[in-house]
Amino acid sequence: MRLLLTSDTHLPTRARELPAQLLAGARQADAVIHAGDWVDTATLDLLDAHARLIVGVYGNNDGPDLRARLPEVARVEFGGLRFGVVHETGAAQGRERRCAERFPDLDVLVFGHSHIPWDSTAPGGLRLLNPGSPTDRRRQPYCTYMTAVVEDGRLSGVRLHRLPRRS
């Protein structure tokens, strides 16, 4: 199963549109995971039109329309792996411990908020992934998103994709 992971799209405040590379990846993926801060419902509808399956949550910048359609925390199982999605996990220091305590029943937690890509494993095995942002790089050199593959009960091929700078 091919996954596309994204977060913090912030449309139309940080960019006018989603990058073409992200939309092409969404069409190729079996599921798209979005860790919040969509900002407008049109982005949810657009990704939903391009993806086979959307698993998403709302973020701190998402208003009542998105909160009515999305949960604060999402849980899904893909190929025997238990995934969770949440927008915010707090400060980087102590993140693995906090998330392992909060989500002891998960194998993978996808999160956003910081716009800073993250890939680590907590003691006990919880994999933490933040795909960054495809539209707002903040202090990062590139806008980013991630892809991954679930096969035989394992997560493999986790890859951070750098997007070309907008002109």
N, C-alpha and C. Protein backbone atom coordinates (compact mmCIF):
# COMPACT_ATOMS: atom_id res chain seq x y z
N MET A 1 0.85 -1.17 0.00
CA MET A 1 0.00 0.00 0.00
C MET A 1 0.89 1.24 0.00
N ARG A 2 0.65 2.14 -0.95
CA ARG A 2 1.44 3.37 -1.08
C ARG A 2 0.72 4.52 -0.37
N LEU A 3 1.48 5.23 0.46
CA LEU A 3 0.93 6.35 1.23
C LEU A 3 1.61 7.64 0.84
N LEU A 4 0.84 8.72 0.83
CA LEU A 4 1.38 10.07 0.71
C LEU A 4 1.04 10.79 2.00
N LEU A 5 2.03 11.38 2.65
CA LEU A 5 1.85 12.08 3.91
C LEU A 5 2.11 13.57 3.68
N THR A 6 1.18 14.40 4.15
CA THR A 6 1.34 15.84 4.03
C THR A 6 0.69 16.52 5.23
N SER A 7 0.97 17.79 5.37
CA SER A 7 0.41 18.57 6.47
C SER A 7 0.58 20.05 6.16
N ASP A 8 -0.09 20.88 6.90
CA ASP A 8 0.14 22.32 6.88
C ASP A 8 0.13 22.90 5.47
N THR A 9 -0.95 22.62 4.75
CA THR A 9 -1.07 23.15 3.39
C THR A 9 -1.43 24.63 3.38
N HIS A 10 -2.13 25.11 4.38
CA HIS A 10 -2.37 26.55 4.58
C HIS A 10 -2.83 27.28 3.32
N LEU A 11 -3.76 26.69 2.58
CA LEU A 11 -4.28 27.39 1.40
C LEU A 11 -5.53 28.19 1.76
N PRO A 12 -5.69 29.34 1.26
CA PRO A 12 -4.86 30.08 0.29
C PRO A 12 -3.92 31.08 0.96
N THR A 13 -3.66 30.95 2.26
CA THR A 13 -2.87 31.97 2.96
C THR A 13 -1.38 31.88 2.67
N ARG A 14 -0.82 30.68 2.53
CA ARG A 14 0.62 30.52 2.31
C ARG A 14 0.98 30.25 0.85
N ALA A 15 0.01 29.81 0.08
CA ALA A 15 0.20 29.55 -1.36
C ALA A 15 -1.18 29.61 -2.00
N ARG A 16 -1.19 29.78 -3.31
CA ARG A 16 -2.47 29.86 -4.03
C ARG A 16 -3.00 28.48 -4.39
N GLU A 17 -2.07 27.52 -4.54
CA GLU A 17 -2.50 26.17 -4.96
C GLU A 17 -1.53 25.13 -4.43
N LEU A 18 -1.99 23.90 -4.44
CA LEU A 18 -1.12 22.78 -4.06
C LEU A 18 -0.15 22.51 -5.20
N PRO A 19 1.08 22.15 -4.87
CA PRO A 19 2.05 21.83 -5.92
C PRO A 19 1.58 20.67 -6.79
N ALA A 20 1.84 20.77 -8.09
CA ALA A 20 1.43 19.72 -9.04
C ALA A 20 2.04 18.37 -8.66
N GLN A 21 3.27 18.37 -8.18
CA GLN A 21 3.93 17.12 -7.78
C GLN A 21 3.17 16.44 -6.64
N LEU A 22 2.66 17.21 -5.69
CA LEU A 22 1.88 16.65 -4.59
C LEU A 22 0.58 16.05 -5.10
N LEU A 23 -0.11 16.76 -5.98
CA LEU A 23 -1.37 16.24 -6.53
C LEU A 23 -1.14 14.99 -7.35
N ALA A 24 -0.06 14.95 -8.12
CA ALA A 24 0.27 13.73 -8.89
C ALA A 24 0.54 12.58 -7.94
N GLY A 25 1.25 12.84 -6.86
CA GLY A 25 1.51 11.80 -5.86
C GLY A 25 0.24 11.32 -5.19
N ALA A 26 -0.69 12.24 -4.95
CA ALA A 26 -1.97 11.86 -4.34
C ALA A 26 -2.75 10.91 -5.25
N ARG A 27 -2.68 11.14 -6.55
CA ARG A 27 -3.38 10.26 -7.50
C ARG A 27 -2.75 8.86 -7.53
N GLN A 28 -1.45 8.78 -7.30
CA GLN A 28 -0.74 7.49 -7.35
C GLN A 28 -0.85 6.72 -6.04
N ALA A 29 -1.11 7.40 -4.96
CA ALA A 29 -1.14 6.77 -3.63
C ALA A 29 -2.44 6.00 -3.42
N ASP A 30 -2.35 5.00 -2.57
CA ASP A 30 -3.56 4.28 -2.15
C ASP A 30 -4.29 5.07 -1.07
N ALA A 31 -3.55 5.89 -0.32
CA ALA A 31 -4.15 6.73 0.72
C ALA A 31 -3.29 7.97 0.92
N VAL A 32 -3.97 9.08 1.21
CA VAL A 32 -3.31 10.34 1.56
C VAL A 32 -3.60 10.61 3.03
N ILE A 33 -2.56 10.88 3.78
CA ILE A 33 -2.69 11.24 5.19
C ILE A 33 -2.33 12.72 5.31
N HIS A 34 -3.24 13.52 5.87
CA HIS A 34 -3.02 14.96 6.05
C HIS A 34 -3.15 15.28 7.54
N ALA A 35 -2.08 15.85 8.10
CA ALA A 35 -2.02 16.10 9.54
C ALA A 35 -2.44 17.52 9.93
N GLY A 36 -3.40 18.08 9.23
CA GLY A 36 -4.04 19.32 9.67
C GLY A 36 -3.44 20.61 9.18
N ASP A 37 -4.14 21.68 9.48
CA ASP A 37 -3.91 23.04 8.97
C ASP A 37 -4.10 23.09 7.46
N TRP A 38 -5.29 22.68 7.06
CA TRP A 38 -5.73 22.80 5.67
C TRP A 38 -6.04 24.26 5.38
N VAL A 39 -6.71 24.91 6.31
CA VAL A 39 -7.19 26.29 6.34
C VAL A 39 -8.50 26.48 5.58
N ASP A 40 -8.67 25.85 4.42
CA ASP A 40 -9.96 25.98 3.73
C ASP A 40 -10.49 24.61 3.30
N THR A 41 -11.80 24.52 3.20
CA THR A 41 -12.42 23.26 2.82
C THR A 41 -12.15 22.91 1.36
N ALA A 42 -11.86 23.90 0.53
CA ALA A 42 -11.57 23.63 -0.88
C ALA A 42 -10.35 22.73 -1.03
N THR A 43 -9.37 22.86 -0.15
CA THR A 43 -8.18 22.01 -0.20
C THR A 43 -8.54 20.57 0.14
N LEU A 44 -9.37 20.39 1.14
CA LEU A 44 -9.85 19.04 1.48
C LEU A 44 -10.60 18.45 0.30
N ASP A 45 -11.48 19.22 -0.32
CA ASP A 45 -12.24 18.73 -1.46
C ASP A 45 -11.34 18.41 -2.64
N LEU A 46 -10.34 19.24 -2.88
CA LEU A 46 -9.41 19.00 -3.99
C LEU A 46 -8.62 17.71 -3.78
N LEU A 47 -8.05 17.54 -2.60
CA LEU A 47 -7.31 16.30 -2.33
C LEU A 47 -8.22 15.09 -2.38
N ASP A 48 -9.42 15.25 -1.86
CA ASP A 48 -10.38 14.16 -1.89
C ASP A 48 -10.72 13.75 -3.33
N ALA A 49 -10.74 14.71 -4.23
CA ALA A 49 -11.02 14.42 -5.65
C ALA A 49 -9.86 13.70 -6.33
N HIS A 50 -8.64 13.88 -5.83
CA HIS A 50 -7.46 13.27 -6.43
C HIS A 50 -7.05 11.96 -5.76
N ALA A 51 -7.50 11.72 -4.54
CA ALA A 51 -7.03 10.57 -3.77
C ALA A 51 -8.07 9.46 -3.71
N ARG A 52 -7.59 8.25 -3.57
CA ARG A 52 -8.51 7.11 -3.37
C ARG A 52 -9.11 7.15 -1.97
N LEU A 53 -8.28 7.56 -0.99
CA LEU A 53 -8.70 7.61 0.41
C LEU A 53 -7.96 8.75 1.09
N ILE A 54 -8.69 9.53 1.88
CA ILE A 54 -8.10 10.60 2.68
C ILE A 54 -8.27 10.25 4.15
N VAL A 55 -7.19 10.34 4.91
CA VAL A 55 -7.24 10.25 6.36
C VAL A 55 -6.67 11.57 6.85
N GLY A 56 -7.51 12.38 7.49
CA GLY A 56 -7.04 13.70 7.89
C GLY A 56 -7.60 14.13 9.22
N VAL A 57 -6.97 15.16 9.77
CA VAL A 57 -7.40 15.76 11.03
C VAL A 57 -7.40 17.27 10.85
N TYR A 58 -8.03 17.96 11.78
CA TYR A 58 -7.98 19.41 11.74
C TYR A 58 -6.79 19.90 12.57
N GLY A 59 -6.32 21.10 12.22
CA GLY A 59 -5.22 21.72 12.96
C GLY A 59 -5.67 23.00 13.62
N ASN A 60 -4.75 23.66 14.28
CA ASN A 60 -5.07 24.87 15.05
C ASN A 60 -5.52 26.04 14.17
N ASN A 61 -5.20 26.02 12.87
CA ASN A 61 -5.63 27.09 11.96
C ASN A 61 -6.90 26.74 11.20
N ASP A 62 -7.52 25.63 11.51
CA ASP A 62 -8.72 25.19 10.80
C ASP A 62 -9.97 25.61 11.56
N GLY A 63 -10.88 26.22 10.81
CA GLY A 63 -12.10 26.75 11.40
C GLY A 63 -13.21 25.73 11.54
N PRO A 64 -14.41 26.21 11.87
CA PRO A 64 -15.53 25.34 12.16
C PRO A 64 -15.95 24.42 11.01
N ASP A 65 -15.82 24.88 9.77
CA ASP A 65 -16.22 24.03 8.64
C ASP A 65 -15.34 22.78 8.55
N LEU A 66 -14.03 22.94 8.73
CA LEU A 66 -13.13 21.78 8.69
C LEU A 66 -13.28 20.93 9.95
N ARG A 67 -13.46 21.57 11.08
CA ARG A 67 -13.63 20.83 12.33
C ARG A 67 -14.91 19.99 12.32
N ALA A 68 -15.90 20.44 11.56
CA ALA A 68 -17.13 19.66 11.44
C ALA A 68 -16.93 18.41 10.58
N ARG A 69 -15.93 18.43 9.71
CA ARG A 69 -15.71 17.31 8.78
C ARG A 69 -14.57 16.39 9.19
N LEU A 70 -13.70 16.87 10.07
CA LEU A 70 -12.49 16.11 10.41
C LEU A 70 -12.35 15.96 11.92
N PRO A 71 -11.73 14.87 12.38
CA PRO A 71 -11.51 14.70 13.82
C PRO A 71 -10.22 15.39 14.27
N GLU A 72 -10.04 15.51 15.56
CA GLU A 72 -8.78 16.02 16.12
C GLU A 72 -7.69 14.95 16.02
N VAL A 73 -8.08 13.70 16.22
CA VAL A 73 -7.16 12.55 16.10
C VAL A 73 -7.84 11.52 15.22
N ALA A 74 -7.10 11.00 14.25
CA ALA A 74 -7.63 9.94 13.39
C ALA A 74 -6.80 8.68 13.61
N ARG A 75 -7.46 7.54 13.48
CA ARG A 75 -6.80 6.25 13.60
C ARG A 75 -7.25 5.37 12.45
N VAL A 76 -6.29 4.63 11.88
CA VAL A 76 -6.60 3.76 10.76
C VAL A 76 -5.57 2.63 10.75
N GLU A 77 -5.96 1.49 10.23
CA GLU A 77 -5.03 0.38 10.07
C GLU A 77 -4.78 0.14 8.59
N PHE A 78 -3.52 0.06 8.23
CA PHE A 78 -3.11 -0.24 6.86
C PHE A 78 -2.16 -1.43 6.91
N GLY A 79 -2.54 -2.53 6.27
CA GLY A 79 -1.65 -3.67 6.16
C GLY A 79 -1.16 -4.21 7.48
N GLY A 80 -1.98 -4.12 8.51
CA GLY A 80 -1.59 -4.64 9.82
C GLY A 80 -0.87 -3.63 10.70
N LEU A 81 -0.59 -2.44 10.19
CA LEU A 81 0.03 -1.38 11.00
C LEU A 81 -1.03 -0.40 11.47
N ARG A 82 -0.94 -0.03 12.73
CA ARG A 82 -1.89 0.91 13.33
C ARG A 82 -1.32 2.33 13.25
N PHE A 83 -2.00 3.17 12.47
CA PHE A 83 -1.59 4.56 12.26
C PHE A 83 -2.48 5.49 13.08
N GLY A 84 -1.86 6.56 13.54
CA GLY A 84 -2.59 7.66 14.14
C GLY A 84 -2.17 8.94 13.45
N VAL A 85 -3.07 9.92 13.43
CA VAL A 85 -2.78 11.22 12.83
C VAL A 85 -3.25 12.28 13.82
N VAL A 86 -2.40 13.25 14.07
CA VAL A 86 -2.71 14.35 14.97
C VAL A 86 -1.95 15.58 14.45
N HIS A 87 -2.45 16.75 14.73
CA HIS A 87 -1.76 17.93 14.22
C HIS A 87 -0.54 18.28 15.07
N GLU A 88 -0.73 18.43 16.35
CA GLU A 88 0.32 18.97 17.20
C GLU A 88 0.78 17.96 18.25
N THR A 89 2.10 17.90 18.47
CA THR A 89 2.66 16.99 19.47
C THR A 89 3.49 17.72 20.52
N GLY A 90 3.57 19.04 20.45
CA GLY A 90 4.34 19.79 21.43
C GLY A 90 5.80 19.94 21.02
N ALA A 91 6.61 20.37 21.95
CA ALA A 91 8.03 20.65 21.70
C ALA A 91 8.78 19.41 21.25
N ALA A 92 9.84 19.64 20.47
CA ALA A 92 10.66 18.54 19.97
C ALA A 92 11.29 17.75 21.13
N GLN A 93 11.77 18.46 22.14
CA GLN A 93 12.38 17.78 23.28
C GLN A 93 11.33 16.97 24.03
N GLY A 94 11.58 15.70 24.16
CA GLY A 94 10.66 14.81 24.87
C GLY A 94 9.51 14.29 24.01
N ARG A 95 9.51 14.60 22.72
CA ARG A 95 8.40 14.22 21.84
C ARG A 95 8.18 12.70 21.81
N GLU A 96 9.24 11.94 21.63
CA GLU A 96 9.09 10.48 21.53
C GLU A 96 8.42 9.91 22.77
N ARG A 97 8.89 10.32 23.95
CA ARG A 97 8.32 9.81 25.20
C ARG A 97 6.85 10.20 25.34
N ARG A 98 6.55 11.49 25.10
CA ARG A 98 5.16 11.96 25.23
C ARG A 98 4.22 11.23 24.29
N CYS A 99 4.64 11.08 23.04
CA CYS A 99 3.77 10.43 22.05
C CYS A 99 3.60 8.95 22.34
N ALA A 100 4.66 8.29 22.78
CA ALA A 100 4.55 6.87 23.14
C ALA A 100 3.60 6.68 24.32
N GLU A 101 3.61 7.61 25.26
CA GLU A 101 2.69 7.53 26.40
C GLU A 101 1.26 7.83 25.98
N ARG A 102 1.08 8.80 25.10
CA ARG A 102 -0.26 9.20 24.68
C ARG A 102 -0.89 8.20 23.72
N PHE A 103 -0.05 7.54 22.89
CA PHE A 103 -0.55 6.63 21.85
C PHE A 103 0.10 5.26 21.97
N PRO A 104 -0.11 4.56 23.08
CA PRO A 104 0.57 3.27 23.27
C PRO A 104 0.08 2.17 22.32
N ASP A 105 -1.06 2.40 21.69
CA ASP A 105 -1.66 1.38 20.81
C ASP A 105 -1.32 1.58 19.34
N LEU A 106 -0.42 2.52 19.01
CA LEU A 106 -0.09 2.80 17.62
C LEU A 106 1.28 2.26 17.23
N ASP A 107 1.44 2.04 15.93
CA ASP A 107 2.75 1.70 15.37
C ASP A 107 3.39 2.92 14.72
N VAL A 108 2.56 3.80 14.13
CA VAL A 108 3.04 4.98 13.41
C VAL A 108 2.15 6.17 13.78
N LEU A 109 2.79 7.31 14.07
CA LEU A 109 2.05 8.55 14.33
C LEU A 109 2.53 9.59 13.33
N VAL A 110 1.58 10.12 12.55
CA VAL A 110 1.86 11.19 11.60
C VAL A 110 1.36 12.49 12.23
N PHE A 111 2.22 13.50 12.24
CA PHE A 111 1.85 14.77 12.86
C PHE A 111 2.38 15.93 12.02
N GLY A 112 1.97 17.13 12.37
CA GLY A 112 2.35 18.32 11.62
C GLY A 112 2.69 19.47 12.55
N HIS A 113 2.18 20.64 12.23
CA HIS A 113 2.24 21.87 12.99
C HIS A 113 3.55 22.65 12.85
N SER A 114 4.69 22.01 12.99
CA SER A 114 5.97 22.72 13.01
C SER A 114 6.48 23.09 11.63
N HIS A 115 6.01 22.41 10.59
CA HIS A 115 6.51 22.55 9.21
C HIS A 115 7.93 22.00 9.10
N ILE A 116 8.41 21.32 10.11
CA ILE A 116 9.77 20.77 10.13
C ILE A 116 9.69 19.26 9.97
N PRO A 117 10.26 18.72 8.90
CA PRO A 117 10.23 17.26 8.72
C PRO A 117 10.86 16.54 9.92
N TRP A 118 10.26 15.38 10.22
CA TRP A 118 10.71 14.61 11.40
C TRP A 118 10.51 13.15 11.10
N ASP A 119 11.49 12.34 11.47
CA ASP A 119 11.38 10.88 11.35
C ASP A 119 12.20 10.29 12.47
N SER A 120 11.52 9.75 13.46
CA SER A 120 12.21 9.13 14.60
C SER A 120 11.39 7.95 15.10
N THR A 121 12.01 7.18 15.96
CA THR A 121 11.33 6.04 16.57
C THR A 121 11.48 6.15 18.08
N ALA A 122 10.36 6.08 18.77
CA ALA A 122 10.34 6.17 20.23
C ALA A 122 10.74 4.83 20.83
N PRO A 123 11.26 4.84 22.06
CA PRO A 123 11.46 3.56 22.74
C PRO A 123 10.14 2.81 22.77
N GLY A 124 10.17 1.56 22.45
CA GLY A 124 8.94 0.79 22.35
C GLY A 124 8.49 0.63 20.90
N GLY A 125 9.09 1.42 19.99
CA GLY A 125 8.86 1.19 18.57
C GLY A 125 7.92 2.12 17.83
N LEU A 126 7.27 3.09 18.50
CA LEU A 126 6.38 4.02 17.80
C LEU A 126 7.19 4.87 16.83
N ARG A 127 6.82 4.82 15.55
CA ARG A 127 7.49 5.64 14.52
C ARG A 127 6.76 6.97 14.41
N LEU A 128 7.50 8.07 14.49
CA LEU A 128 6.94 9.41 14.42
C LEU A 128 7.37 10.06 13.11
N LEU A 129 6.39 10.53 12.33
CA LEU A 129 6.67 11.13 11.03
C LEU A 129 5.97 12.47 10.89
N ASN A 130 6.73 13.50 10.54
CA ASN A 130 6.18 14.80 10.18
C ASN A 130 6.65 15.10 8.77
N PRO A 131 5.73 15.23 7.81
CA PRO A 131 6.13 15.45 6.43
C PRO A 131 6.53 16.89 6.10
N GLY A 132 6.50 17.80 7.07
CA GLY A 132 6.76 19.20 6.77
C GLY A 132 5.55 19.81 6.08
N SER A 133 5.79 20.83 5.27
CA SER A 133 4.70 21.51 4.56
C SER A 133 5.04 21.62 3.08
N PRO A 134 4.07 21.34 2.20
CA PRO A 134 4.32 21.48 0.77
C PRO A 134 4.18 22.92 0.26
N THR A 135 3.76 23.83 1.14
CA THR A 135 3.48 25.20 0.69
C THR A 135 4.17 26.28 1.52
N ASP A 136 4.65 25.96 2.72
CA ASP A 136 5.24 26.97 3.61
C ASP A 136 6.45 26.38 4.30
N ARG A 137 7.63 26.67 3.77
CA ARG A 137 8.85 26.05 4.28
C ARG A 137 9.34 26.65 5.59
N ARG A 138 8.80 27.77 5.98
CA ARG A 138 9.24 28.50 7.17
C ARG A 138 10.76 28.60 7.18
N ARG A 139 11.40 28.04 8.17
CA ARG A 139 12.87 28.14 8.27
C ARG A 139 13.59 26.97 7.60
N GLN A 140 12.86 26.16 6.86
CA GLN A 140 13.45 25.01 6.19
C GLN A 140 13.93 25.41 4.79
N PRO A 141 14.89 24.68 4.24
CA PRO A 141 15.37 25.05 2.90
C PRO A 141 14.37 24.75 1.78
N TYR A 142 13.46 23.80 2.01
CA TYR A 142 12.51 23.38 0.97
C TYR A 142 11.13 23.13 1.58
N CYS A 143 10.11 23.25 0.76
CA CYS A 143 8.79 22.71 1.08
C CYS A 143 8.87 21.21 0.85
N THR A 144 8.12 20.44 1.64
CA THR A 144 8.27 18.99 1.60
C THR A 144 6.96 18.24 1.80
N TYR A 145 6.99 16.97 1.47
CA TYR A 145 5.97 15.99 1.83
C TYR A 145 6.68 14.64 1.88
N MET A 146 5.99 13.60 2.33
CA MET A 146 6.59 12.28 2.44
C MET A 146 5.76 11.24 1.69
N THR A 147 6.42 10.17 1.31
CA THR A 147 5.75 8.96 0.84
C THR A 147 6.29 7.79 1.63
N ALA A 148 5.50 6.73 1.69
CA ALA A 148 5.90 5.51 2.39
C ALA A 148 5.12 4.35 1.80
N VAL A 149 5.59 3.16 2.12
CA VAL A 149 4.93 1.93 1.66
C VAL A 149 4.68 1.03 2.87
N VAL A 150 3.49 0.46 2.92
CA VAL A 150 3.18 -0.55 3.93
C VAL A 150 3.07 -1.88 3.20
N GLU A 151 3.90 -2.83 3.61
CA GLU A 151 3.83 -4.17 3.02
C GLU A 151 4.25 -5.19 4.06
N ASP A 152 3.54 -6.29 4.08
CA ASP A 152 3.83 -7.38 5.01
C ASP A 152 3.91 -6.89 6.46
N GLY A 153 3.02 -5.98 6.84
CA GLY A 153 2.99 -5.49 8.21
C GLY A 153 4.15 -4.60 8.59
N ARG A 154 4.86 -4.08 7.61
CA ARG A 154 6.01 -3.21 7.88
C ARG A 154 5.89 -1.91 7.10
N LEU A 155 6.44 -0.87 7.67
CA LEU A 155 6.54 0.42 7.00
C LEU A 155 7.92 0.49 6.36
N SER A 156 7.96 0.75 5.06
CA SER A 156 9.24 0.82 4.36
C SER A 156 9.22 1.98 3.38
N GLY A 157 10.37 2.26 2.82
CA GLY A 157 10.46 3.26 1.77
C GLY A 157 10.00 4.64 2.20
N VAL A 158 10.16 4.99 3.48
CA VAL A 158 9.79 6.34 3.91
C VAL A 158 10.75 7.32 3.24
N ARG A 159 10.17 8.25 2.50
CA ARG A 159 11.00 9.17 1.72
C ARG A 159 10.46 10.59 1.86
N LEU A 160 11.37 11.52 2.14
CA LEU A 160 11.04 12.93 2.19
C LEU A 160 11.27 13.52 0.81
N HIS A 161 10.24 14.15 0.26
CA HIS A 161 10.32 14.76 -1.08
C HIS A 161 10.47 16.26 -0.94
N ARG A 162 11.49 16.81 -1.56
CA ARG A 162 11.69 18.26 -1.61
C ARG A 162 10.99 18.79 -2.86
N LEU A 163 10.25 19.85 -2.67
CA LEU A 163 9.56 20.48 -3.80
C LEU A 163 10.39 21.64 -4.35
N PRO A 164 10.31 21.87 -5.66
CA PRO A 164 11.04 23.01 -6.21
C PRO A 164 10.51 24.31 -5.63
N ARG A 165 11.37 25.26 -5.49
CA ARG A 165 10.95 26.58 -4.99
C ARG A 165 10.02 27.23 -5.98
N ARG A 166 8.99 27.87 -5.44
CA ARG A 166 8.04 28.61 -6.28
C ARG A 166 8.71 29.87 -6.81
N SER A 167 8.36 30.22 -8.02
CA SER A 167 8.94 31.45 -8.58
C SER A 167 8.02 32.63 -8.35
